[in-house]
């Protein structure tokens, strides 16, 4: 079974992927519309289906 550290590592990678130079889609993970980063960092999201993984 994969642990919480593994999951958080992958989530962090997904949140930071739009910032990479070859994509350059956003200045911060929270600013990228299709990311769940704003949900985890600020508690807001345009998506109703998101649930916190710790819940």
N, C-alpha and C. Protein backbone atom coordinates (compact mmCIF):
# COMPACT_ATOMS: atom_id res chain seq x y z
N UNK A 1 0.84 -1.18 0.00
CA UNK A 1 0.00 0.00 0.00
C UNK A 1 0.89 1.24 0.00
N UNK A 2 0.50 2.22 -0.79
CA UNK A 2 1.26 3.45 -0.88
C UNK A 2 0.86 4.39 0.24
N UNK A 3 1.85 5.10 0.77
CA UNK A 3 1.61 5.94 1.92
C UNK A 3 1.26 7.38 1.59
N UNK A 4 0.98 8.10 2.65
CA UNK A 4 0.61 9.50 2.53
C UNK A 4 1.75 10.33 1.94
N UNK A 5 2.98 10.04 2.32
CA UNK A 5 4.12 10.78 1.78
C UNK A 5 4.21 10.63 0.26
N UNK A 6 3.97 9.44 -0.22
CA UNK A 6 4.00 9.18 -1.66
C UNK A 6 2.90 9.99 -2.35
N UNK A 7 1.71 9.98 -1.80
CA UNK A 7 0.59 10.71 -2.38
C UNK A 7 0.87 12.21 -2.40
N UNK A 8 1.39 12.74 -1.29
CA UNK A 8 1.69 14.17 -1.22
C UNK A 8 2.79 14.57 -2.19
N UNK A 9 3.75 13.69 -2.42
CA UNK A 9 4.80 13.95 -3.40
C UNK A 9 4.19 14.08 -4.80
N UNK A 10 3.29 13.19 -5.14
CA UNK A 10 2.66 13.21 -6.47
C UNK A 10 1.74 14.42 -6.61
N UNK A 11 1.01 14.76 -5.57
CA UNK A 11 0.13 15.92 -5.60
C UNK A 11 0.95 17.20 -5.78
N UNK A 12 2.06 17.28 -5.10
CA UNK A 12 2.96 18.43 -5.23
C UNK A 12 3.50 18.54 -6.66
N UNK A 13 3.86 17.42 -7.23
CA UNK A 13 4.33 17.41 -8.62
C UNK A 13 3.24 17.91 -9.57
N UNK A 14 2.04 17.42 -9.39
CA UNK A 14 0.91 17.82 -10.24
C UNK A 14 0.64 19.32 -10.10
N UNK A 15 0.68 19.82 -8.87
CA UNK A 15 0.41 21.23 -8.64
C UNK A 15 1.49 22.13 -9.25
N UNK A 16 2.72 21.67 -9.25
CA UNK A 16 3.82 22.49 -9.76
C UNK A 16 4.11 22.30 -11.24
N UNK A 17 3.53 21.30 -11.86
CA UNK A 17 3.79 21.02 -13.27
C UNK A 17 3.46 22.20 -14.19
N UNK A 18 2.34 22.92 -14.03
CA UNK A 18 2.05 24.04 -14.93
C UNK A 18 3.07 25.19 -14.84
N UNK A 19 3.90 25.21 -13.81
CA UNK A 19 4.87 26.27 -13.64
C UNK A 19 6.18 26.02 -14.40
N UNK A 20 6.38 24.82 -14.87
CA UNK A 20 7.63 24.48 -15.54
C UNK A 20 7.83 25.35 -16.78
N UNK A 21 9.07 25.64 -17.07
CA UNK A 21 9.42 26.57 -18.15
C UNK A 21 8.83 26.15 -19.50
N UNK A 22 8.82 24.87 -19.80
CA UNK A 22 8.31 24.45 -21.10
C UNK A 22 6.79 24.55 -21.20
N UNK A 23 6.09 24.63 -20.06
CA UNK A 23 4.64 24.86 -20.09
C UNK A 23 4.32 26.33 -19.89
N UNK A 24 4.90 26.90 -18.82
CA UNK A 24 4.69 28.32 -18.48
C UNK A 24 3.21 28.70 -18.53
N UNK A 25 2.39 27.94 -17.84
CA UNK A 25 0.93 28.17 -17.85
C UNK A 25 0.45 29.07 -16.72
N UNK A 26 1.32 29.28 -15.72
CA UNK A 26 0.89 30.03 -14.55
C UNK A 26 2.11 30.51 -13.76
N UNK A 27 1.90 31.55 -12.97
CA UNK A 27 2.96 32.06 -12.09
C UNK A 27 3.04 31.25 -10.79
N UNK A 28 1.88 30.83 -10.28
CA UNK A 28 1.83 30.03 -9.05
C UNK A 28 0.86 28.86 -9.27
N UNK A 29 1.01 27.81 -8.51
CA UNK A 29 0.08 26.68 -8.66
C UNK A 29 -1.38 27.09 -8.41
N UNK A 30 -1.59 28.00 -7.48
CA UNK A 30 -2.94 28.43 -7.14
C UNK A 30 -3.60 29.23 -8.27
N UNK A 31 -2.81 29.85 -9.13
CA UNK A 31 -3.35 30.67 -10.22
C UNK A 31 -3.79 29.84 -11.43
N UNK A 32 -3.35 28.61 -11.51
CA UNK A 32 -3.72 27.78 -12.66
C UNK A 32 -5.15 27.27 -12.45
N UNK A 33 -6.05 27.65 -13.34
CA UNK A 33 -7.48 27.38 -13.17
C UNK A 33 -7.79 25.90 -12.96
N UNK A 34 -7.16 25.02 -13.71
CA UNK A 34 -7.50 23.60 -13.69
C UNK A 34 -6.81 22.83 -12.56
N UNK A 35 -6.10 23.52 -11.70
CA UNK A 35 -5.38 22.87 -10.60
C UNK A 35 -6.22 22.84 -9.32
N UNK A 36 -5.98 21.84 -8.51
CA UNK A 36 -6.63 21.78 -7.19
C UNK A 36 -5.79 22.49 -6.13
N UNK A 37 -4.68 23.11 -6.52
CA UNK A 37 -3.79 23.77 -5.57
C UNK A 37 -4.50 24.85 -4.76
N UNK A 38 -5.35 25.64 -5.40
CA UNK A 38 -6.06 26.69 -4.66
C UNK A 38 -7.01 26.09 -3.63
N UNK A 39 -7.55 24.93 -3.93
CA UNK A 39 -8.41 24.22 -2.98
C UNK A 39 -7.61 23.83 -1.73
N UNK A 40 -6.44 23.27 -1.93
CA UNK A 40 -5.63 22.82 -0.80
C UNK A 40 -4.96 23.97 -0.05
N UNK A 41 -4.58 25.03 -0.74
CA UNK A 41 -3.88 26.14 -0.10
C UNK A 41 -4.83 27.19 0.47
N UNK A 42 -5.90 27.50 -0.25
CA UNK A 42 -6.76 28.61 0.13
C UNK A 42 -8.19 28.19 0.47
N UNK A 43 -8.53 26.94 0.20
CA UNK A 43 -9.86 26.45 0.51
C UNK A 43 -10.93 26.83 -0.49
N UNK A 44 -10.53 27.32 -1.67
CA UNK A 44 -11.54 27.67 -2.67
C UNK A 44 -11.25 26.95 -3.98
N UNK A 45 -12.31 26.70 -4.72
CA UNK A 45 -12.18 26.01 -5.99
C UNK A 45 -13.46 26.17 -6.80
N UNK A 46 -13.34 26.25 -8.12
CA UNK A 46 -14.54 26.31 -8.95
C UNK A 46 -15.18 24.92 -9.14
N UNK A 47 -14.56 23.90 -8.58
CA UNK A 47 -15.03 22.53 -8.78
C UNK A 47 -15.71 22.01 -7.52
N UNK A 48 -16.97 21.63 -7.65
CA UNK A 48 -17.75 21.14 -6.50
C UNK A 48 -17.34 19.75 -6.03
N UNK A 49 -16.74 18.98 -6.90
CA UNK A 49 -16.47 17.58 -6.59
C UNK A 49 -15.21 17.34 -5.77
N UNK A 50 -14.38 18.36 -5.57
CA UNK A 50 -13.13 18.16 -4.83
C UNK A 50 -13.38 17.88 -3.35
N UNK A 51 -12.69 16.91 -2.84
CA UNK A 51 -12.71 16.59 -1.42
C UNK A 51 -11.26 16.51 -0.94
N UNK A 52 -11.00 16.97 0.24
CA UNK A 52 -9.63 16.94 0.78
C UNK A 52 -9.25 15.49 1.05
N UNK A 53 -8.05 15.12 0.65
CA UNK A 53 -7.62 13.74 0.82
C UNK A 53 -7.47 13.34 2.28
N UNK A 54 -7.35 14.30 3.19
CA UNK A 54 -7.24 13.97 4.61
C UNK A 54 -8.60 13.73 5.25
N UNK A 55 -9.67 14.06 4.54
CA UNK A 55 -11.03 13.90 5.08
C UNK A 55 -11.50 12.47 5.01
